[in-house]
């Protein structure tokens, strides 16, 4: 995790922008779900007002228009988040390949000769791909975590007890998946060594 933090540190502005975009988009989506649920309940009960939502009552037509606007803005935030994530992945890929190539080509001939055949190619292809894959995973995790926080915040407003039960269930699930994550890391290290041996 410390290696990923060091890797993403030069791109902290892009990561922060992605996090903010993801959180705002998820908050809008949660607001849309609350609003559209209230609208459906008002339609079923024959009311011309939705609510009370967030302490106020809204006209049915206003609620429908607001829900449509929320969907449009949410899609805009989703498109922006995809662009920010793709830009971040491209920057990391370029930076890592340039760093590895410069380190090898600017070293002495003796150092270059000491390196196993195929190592540079393997580092520039498979290993950089894995690094960018890890960055993509981190950005997806950030997006998922902030989306979860936004939905939990909306859930606490709508139904605190049910939301607390979901939080407890998520904690139990995280504890169960801990050994699986450790096994995944061990197998990943074995896969890396096997790729280096194959390239050599």
C-alpha atoms as a PDB file:
ATOM      1  CA  UNK A   1       0.000   0.000   0.000  1.00  0.00           C
ATOM      2  CA  UNK A   2       2.914   2.360   0.728  1.00  0.00           C
ATOM      3  CA  UNK A   3       4.276   1.704  -2.775  1.00  0.00           C
ATOM      4  CA  UNK A   4       0.939   2.659  -4.297  1.00  0.00           C
ATOM      5  CA  UNK A   5       0.802   5.819  -2.194  1.00  0.00           C
ATOM      6  CA  UNK A   6       4.281   6.776  -3.426  1.00  0.00           C
ATOM      7  CA  UNK A   7       3.258   5.942  -6.985  1.00  0.00           C
ATOM      8  CA  UNK A   8       0.141   8.104  -6.856  1.00  0.00           C
ATOM      9  CA  UNK A   9       1.701  10.986  -4.910  1.00  0.00           C
ATOM     10  CA  UNK A  10       2.811  12.910  -8.051  1.00  0.00           C
ATOM     11  CA  UNK A  11      -0.765  12.585  -9.323  1.00  0.00           C
ATOM     12  CA  UNK A  12      -2.522  13.621  -6.102  1.00  0.00           C
ATOM     13  CA  UNK A  13      -4.435  16.422  -7.832  1.00  0.00           C
ATOM     14  CA  UNK A  14      -5.891  13.971 -10.359  1.00  0.00           C
ATOM     15  CA  UNK A  15      -6.729  11.475  -7.602  1.00  0.00           C
ATOM     16  CA  UNK A  16      -8.397  14.202  -5.509  1.00  0.00           C
ATOM     17  CA  UNK A  17     -10.400  15.383  -8.519  1.00  0.00           C
ATOM     18  CA  UNK A  18     -11.522  11.834  -9.223  1.00  0.00           C
ATOM     19  CA  UNK A  19     -12.517  11.316  -5.584  1.00  0.00           C
ATOM     20  CA  UNK A  20     -14.512  14.547  -5.461  1.00  0.00           C
ATOM     21  CA  UNK A  21     -16.242  13.777  -8.765  1.00  0.00           C
ATOM     22  CA  UNK A  22     -17.130  10.261  -7.634  1.00  0.00           C
ATOM     23  CA  UNK A  23     -18.510  11.434  -4.298  1.00  0.00           C
ATOM     24  CA  UNK A  24     -20.608  14.193  -5.832  1.00  0.00           C
ATOM     25  CA  UNK A  25     -21.934  11.847  -8.499  1.00  0.00           C
ATOM     26  CA  UNK A  26     -22.851   9.201  -5.938  1.00  0.00           C
ATOM     27  CA  UNK A  27     -24.539  11.818  -3.742  1.00  0.00           C
ATOM     28  CA  UNK A  28     -26.637  12.941  -6.708  1.00  0.00           C
ATOM     29  CA  UNK A  29     -27.546   9.333  -7.460  1.00  0.00           C
ATOM     30  CA  UNK A  30     -28.581   8.735  -3.842  1.00  0.00           C
ATOM     31  CA  UNK A  31     -30.685  11.897  -3.902  1.00  0.00           C
ATOM     32  CA  UNK A  32     -32.314  10.737  -7.143  1.00  0.00           C
ATOM     33  CA  UNK A  33     -33.218   7.358  -5.638  1.00  0.00           C
ATOM     34  CA  UNK A  34     -34.752   8.980  -2.567  1.00  0.00           C
ATOM     35  CA  UNK A  35     -36.665  11.450  -4.729  1.00  0.00           C
ATOM     36  CA  UNK A  36     -37.939   8.890  -7.239  1.00  0.00           C
ATOM     37  CA  UNK A  37     -38.999   6.545  -4.426  1.00  0.00           C
ATOM     38  CA  UNK A  38     -41.000   9.355  -2.831  1.00  0.00           C
ATOM     39  CA  UNK A  39     -42.524  10.177  -6.220  1.00  0.00           C
ATOM     40  CA  UNK A  40     -43.626   6.581  -6.776  1.00  0.00           C
ATOM     41  CA  UNK A  41     -45.153   6.427  -3.315  1.00  0.00           C
ATOM     42  CA  UNK A  42     -47.022   9.688  -3.968  1.00  0.00           C
ATOM     43  CA  UNK A  43     -48.364   8.343  -7.276  1.00  0.00           C
ATOM     44  CA  UNK A  44     -49.529   5.106  -5.662  1.00  0.00           C
ATOM     45  CA  UNK A  45     -51.285   6.959  -2.831  1.00  0.00           C
ATOM     46  CA  UNK A  46     -52.815   9.542  -5.175  1.00  0.00           C
ATOM     47  CA  UNK A  47     -51.086  12.556  -3.608  1.00  0.00           C
ATOM     48  CA  UNK A  48     -50.023  15.563  -5.646  1.00  0.00           C
ATOM     49  CA  UNK A  49     -47.103  16.282  -3.299  1.00  0.00           C
ATOM     50  CA  UNK A  50     -43.993  14.245  -2.536  1.00  0.00           C
ATOM     51  CA  UNK A  51     -42.684  14.129   0.960  1.00  0.00           C
ATOM     52  CA  UNK A  52     -41.863  15.123   3.406  1.00  0.00           C
ATOM     53  CA  UNK A  53     -38.337  14.771   1.962  1.00  0.00           C
ATOM     54  CA  UNK A  54     -35.519  16.418   3.871  1.00  0.00           C
ATOM     55  CA  UNK A  55     -38.117  18.205   5.960  1.00  0.00           C
ATOM     56  CA  UNK A  56     -40.173  19.653   3.105  1.00  0.00           C
ATOM     57  CA  UNK A  57     -42.994  18.725   0.753  1.00  0.00           C
ATOM     58  CA  UNK A  58     -42.510  19.017  -3.031  1.00  0.00           C
ATOM     59  CA  UNK A  59     -45.061  19.196  -5.813  1.00  0.00           C
ATOM     60  CA  UNK A  60     -45.243  16.044  -7.902  1.00  0.00           C
ATOM     61  CA  UNK A  61     -44.354  17.820 -11.145  1.00  0.00           C
ATOM     62  CA  UNK A  62     -41.428  19.563  -9.461  1.00  0.00           C
ATOM     63  CA  UNK A  63     -40.188  16.240  -8.080  1.00  0.00           C
ATOM     64  CA  UNK A  64     -40.298  14.588 -11.517  1.00  0.00           C
ATOM     65  CA  UNK A  65     -38.431  17.524 -13.106  1.00  0.00           C
ATOM     66  CA  UNK A  66     -35.849  17.480 -10.311  1.00  0.00           C
ATOM     67  CA  UNK A  67     -35.361  13.717 -10.744  1.00  0.00           C
ATOM     68  CA  UNK A  68     -34.751  14.192 -14.479  1.00  0.00           C
ATOM     69  CA  UNK A  69     -32.218  16.935 -13.799  1.00  0.00           C
ATOM     70  CA  UNK A  70     -30.436  14.754 -11.242  1.00  0.00           C
ATOM     71  CA  UNK A  71     -30.116  11.922 -13.781  1.00  0.00           C
ATOM     72  CA  UNK A  72     -28.633  14.271 -16.378  1.00  0.00           C
ATOM     73  CA  UNK A  73     -26.101  15.777 -13.963  1.00  0.00           C
ATOM     74  CA  UNK A  74     -25.252  12.310 -12.595  1.00  0.00           C
ATOM     75  CA  UNK A  75     -24.425  11.071 -16.097  1.00  0.00           C
ATOM     76  CA  UNK A  76     -22.218  14.121 -16.637  1.00  0.00           C
ATOM     77  CA  UNK A  77     -20.307  13.376 -13.426  1.00  0.00           C
ATOM     78  CA  UNK A  78     -19.969   9.706 -14.434  1.00  0.00           C
ATOM     79  CA  UNK A  79     -18.489  10.668 -17.814  1.00  0.00           C
ATOM     80  CA  UNK A  80     -16.074  13.075 -16.111  1.00  0.00           C
ATOM     81  CA  UNK A  81     -15.002  10.375 -13.640  1.00  0.00           C
ATOM     82  CA  UNK A  82     -14.269   7.938 -16.497  1.00  0.00           C
ATOM     83  CA  UNK A  83     -12.169  10.576 -18.273  1.00  0.00           C
ATOM     84  CA  UNK A  84     -10.222  11.429 -15.097  1.00  0.00           C
ATOM     85  CA  UNK A  85      -9.563   7.731 -14.425  1.00  0.00           C
ATOM     86  CA  UNK A  86      -8.363   7.100 -17.995  1.00  0.00           C
ATOM     87  CA  UNK A  87      -6.096  10.168 -17.910  1.00  0.00           C
ATOM     88  CA  UNK A  88      -4.587   9.047 -14.601  1.00  0.00           C
ATOM     89  CA  UNK A  89      -3.894   5.550 -15.943  1.00  0.00           C
ATOM     90  CA  UNK A  90      -2.231   6.977 -19.067  1.00  0.00           C
ATOM     91  CA  UNK A  91      -0.025   9.340 -17.039  1.00  0.00           C
ATOM     92  CA  UNK A  92       1.124   6.562 -14.729  1.00  0.00           C
ATOM     93  CA  UNK A  93       1.884   4.275 -17.684  1.00  0.00           C
ATOM     94  CA  UNK A  94       3.971   6.933 -19.449  1.00  0.00           C
ATOM     95  CA  UNK A  95       5.816   7.930 -16.278  1.00  0.00           C
ATOM     96  CA  UNK A  96       6.703   4.361 -15.299  1.00  0.00           C
ATOM     97  CA  UNK A  97       7.881   3.335 -18.783  1.00  0.00           C
ATOM     98  CA  UNK A  98       9.997   6.466 -19.095  1.00  0.00           C
ATOM     99  CA  UNK A  99      11.484   5.915 -15.650  1.00  0.00           C
ATOM    100  CA  UNK A 100      12.396   2.288 -16.363  1.00  0.00           C
ATOM    101  CA  UNK A 101      13.796   3.013 -19.834  1.00  0.00           C
ATOM    102  CA  UNK A 102      15.893   5.933 -18.578  1.00  0.00           C
ATOM    103  CA  UNK A 103      17.215   3.911 -15.630  1.00  0.00           C
ATOM    104  CA  UNK A 104      18.373   1.150 -17.977  1.00  0.00           C
ATOM    105  CA  UNK A 105      19.634   3.177 -20.940  1.00  0.00           C
ATOM    106  CA  UNK A 106      21.494   5.726 -18.797  1.00  0.00           C
ATOM    107  CA  UNK A 107      23.258   3.076 -16.733  1.00  0.00           C
ATOM    108  CA  UNK A 108      26.759   1.805 -17.501  1.00  0.00           C
ATOM    109  CA  UNK A 109      27.403  -0.954 -20.009  1.00  0.00           C
ATOM    110  CA  UNK A 110      28.498  -3.262 -17.211  1.00  0.00           C
ATOM    111  CA  UNK A 111      25.178  -2.796 -15.408  1.00  0.00           C
ATOM    112  CA  UNK A 112      23.241  -3.419 -18.615  1.00  0.00           C
ATOM    113  CA  UNK A 113      25.194  -6.592 -19.310  1.00  0.00           C
ATOM    114  CA  UNK A 114      24.579  -7.832 -15.766  1.00  0.00           C
ATOM    115  CA  UNK A 115      20.825  -7.662 -16.235  1.00  0.00           C
ATOM    116  CA  UNK A 116      19.180 -10.932 -17.361  1.00  0.00           C
ATOM    117  CA  UNK A 117      18.101 -11.041 -20.985  1.00  0.00           C
ATOM    118  CA  UNK A 118      14.493 -10.006 -21.436  1.00  0.00           C
ATOM    119  CA  UNK A 119      14.153  -8.279 -18.072  1.00  0.00           C
ATOM    120  CA  UNK A 120      13.777  -4.766 -19.528  1.00  0.00           C
ATOM    121  CA  UNK A 121      11.151  -5.933 -22.004  1.00  0.00           C
ATOM    122  CA  UNK A 122       9.247  -7.702 -19.233  1.00  0.00           C
ATOM    123  CA  UNK A 123       9.408  -4.651 -16.978  1.00  0.00           C
ATOM    124  CA  UNK A 124       8.260  -2.282 -19.728  1.00  0.00           C
ATOM    125  CA  UNK A 125       5.329  -4.468 -20.728  1.00  0.00           C
ATOM    126  CA  UNK A 126       3.916  -6.874 -18.145  1.00  0.00           C
ATOM    127  CA  UNK A 127       5.100  -5.083 -15.016  1.00  0.00           C
ATOM    128  CA  UNK A 128       4.000  -1.636 -16.156  1.00  0.00           C
ATOM    129  CA  UNK A 129       0.668  -3.127 -17.157  1.00  0.00           C
ATOM    130  CA  UNK A 130       0.329  -4.574 -13.674  1.00  0.00           C
ATOM    131  CA  UNK A 131       1.227  -1.228 -12.113  1.00  0.00           C
ATOM    132  CA  UNK A 132      -1.402   0.576 -14.149  1.00  0.00           C
ATOM    133  CA  UNK A 133      -3.830  -2.201 -13.297  1.00  0.00           C
ATOM    134  CA  UNK A 134      -3.137  -1.597  -9.619  1.00  0.00           C
ATOM    135  CA  UNK A 135      -3.724   2.131 -10.128  1.00  0.00           C
ATOM    136  CA  UNK A 136      -7.014   1.382 -11.873  1.00  0.00           C
ATOM    137  CA  UNK A 137      -8.003  -0.875  -8.993  1.00  0.00           C
ATOM    138  CA  UNK A 138      -7.188   1.854  -6.479  1.00  0.00           C
ATOM    139  CA  UNK A 139      -9.210   4.453  -8.372  1.00  0.00           C
ATOM    140  CA  UNK A 140     -12.125   2.019  -8.623  1.00  0.00           C
ATOM    141  CA  UNK A 141     -11.838   1.325  -4.894  1.00  0.00           C
ATOM    142  CA  UNK A 142     -11.872   5.045  -4.134  1.00  0.00           C
ATOM    143  CA  UNK A 143     -14.923   5.503  -6.342  1.00  0.00           C
ATOM    144  CA  UNK A 144     -16.710   2.533  -4.760  1.00  0.00           C
ATOM    145  CA  UNK A 145     -15.864   3.638  -1.202  1.00  0.00           C
ATOM    146  CA  UNK A 146     -17.057   7.191  -1.720  1.00  0.00           C
ATOM    147  CA  UNK A 147     -20.187   5.957  -3.475  1.00  0.00           C
ATOM    148  CA  UNK A 148     -20.840   3.654  -0.533  1.00  0.00           C
ATOM    149  CA  UNK A 149     -20.381   6.542   1.908  1.00  0.00           C
ATOM    150  CA  UNK A 150     -22.811   8.678  -0.076  1.00  0.00           C
ATOM    151  CA  UNK A 151     -25.438   5.919  -0.111  1.00  0.00           C
ATOM    152  CA  UNK A 152     -24.915   5.182   3.579  1.00  0.00           C
ATOM    153  CA  UNK A 153     -25.377   8.883   4.321  1.00  0.00           C
ATOM    154  CA  UNK A 154     -28.655   8.870   2.418  1.00  0.00           C
ATOM    155  CA  UNK A 155     -29.626   5.650   4.162  1.00  0.00           C
ATOM    156  CA  UNK A 156     -28.992   7.139   7.604  1.00  0.00           C
ATOM    157  CA  UNK A 157     -31.393   9.947   6.733  1.00  0.00           C
ATOM    158  CA  UNK A 158     -34.107   7.591   5.417  1.00  0.00           C
ATOM    159  CA  UNK A 159     -33.744   4.566   7.762  1.00  0.00           C
ATOM    160  CA  UNK A 160     -30.933   4.699  10.376  1.00  0.00           C
ATOM    161  CA  UNK A 161     -31.518   1.204  11.826  1.00  0.00           C
ATOM    162  CA  UNK A 162     -31.423  -0.594   8.480  1.00  0.00           C
ATOM    163  CA  UNK A 163     -28.322   1.367   7.467  1.00  0.00           C
ATOM    164  CA  UNK A 164     -26.516   0.417  10.696  1.00  0.00           C
ATOM    165  CA  UNK A 165     -27.362  -3.243  10.019  1.00  0.00           C
ATOM    166  CA  UNK A 166     -25.815  -2.912   6.544  1.00  0.00           C
ATOM    167  CA  UNK A 167     -22.661  -1.352   8.056  1.00  0.00           C
ATOM    168  CA  UNK A 168     -22.301  -4.271  10.483  1.00  0.00           C
ATOM    169  CA  UNK A 169     -22.755  -6.763   7.630  1.00  0.00           C
ATOM    170  CA  UNK A 170     -20.082  -4.984   5.581  1.00  0.00           C
ATOM    171  CA  UNK A 171     -17.667  -5.171   8.525  1.00  0.00           C
ATOM    172  CA  UNK A 172     -18.223  -8.920   8.876  1.00  0.00           C
ATOM    173  CA  UNK A 173     -17.770  -9.435   5.135  1.00  0.00           C
ATOM    174  CA  UNK A 174     -14.504  -7.456   5.184  1.00  0.00           C
ATOM    175  CA  UNK A 175     -13.163  -9.637   8.017  1.00  0.00           C
ATOM    176  CA  UNK A 176     -14.060 -12.821   6.113  1.00  0.00           C
ATOM    177  CA  UNK A 177     -12.337 -11.629   2.934  1.00  0.00           C
ATOM    178  CA  UNK A 178      -9.074 -10.752   4.736  1.00  0.00           C
ATOM    179  CA  UNK A 179      -7.393 -14.191   4.317  1.00  0.00           C
ATOM    180  CA  UNK A 180      -8.465 -14.252   0.659  1.00  0.00           C
ATOM    181  CA  UNK A 181      -6.682 -10.937   0.021  1.00  0.00           C
ATOM    182  CA  UNK A 182      -3.483 -12.280   1.610  1.00  0.00           C
ATOM    183  CA  UNK A 183      -3.605 -15.404  -0.560  1.00  0.00           C
ATOM    184  CA  UNK A 184      -4.129 -13.231  -3.641  1.00  0.00           C
ATOM    185  CA  UNK A 185      -0.987 -11.217  -2.827  1.00  0.00           C
ATOM    186  CA  UNK A 186       1.090 -14.384  -2.372  1.00  0.00           C
ATOM    187  CA  UNK A 187      -0.060 -15.800  -5.701  1.00  0.00           C
ATOM    188  CA  UNK A 188       0.608 -12.451  -7.369  1.00  0.00           C
ATOM    189  CA  UNK A 189       4.247 -12.509  -6.211  1.00  0.00           C
ATOM    190  CA  UNK A 190       4.657 -16.052  -7.571  1.00  0.00           C
ATOM    191  CA  UNK A 191       3.161 -14.969 -10.891  1.00  0.00           C
ATOM    192  CA  UNK A 192       5.616 -12.057 -11.102  1.00  0.00           C
ATOM    193  CA  UNK A 193       8.634 -14.292 -10.525  1.00  0.00           C
ATOM    194  CA  UNK A 194       7.389 -16.798 -13.090  1.00  0.00           C
ATOM    195  CA  UNK A 195       7.005 -14.051 -15.703  1.00  0.00           C
ATOM    196  CA  UNK A 196      10.567 -12.819 -15.102  1.00  0.00           C
ATOM    197  CA  UNK A 197      11.945 -16.348 -15.448  1.00  0.00           C
ATOM    198  CA  UNK A 198       9.965 -16.883 -18.648  1.00  0.00           C
ATOM    199  CA  UNK A 199      11.215 -13.584 -20.145  1.00  0.00           C
ATOM    200  CA  UNK A 200      14.819 -14.540 -19.259  1.00  0.00           C
END
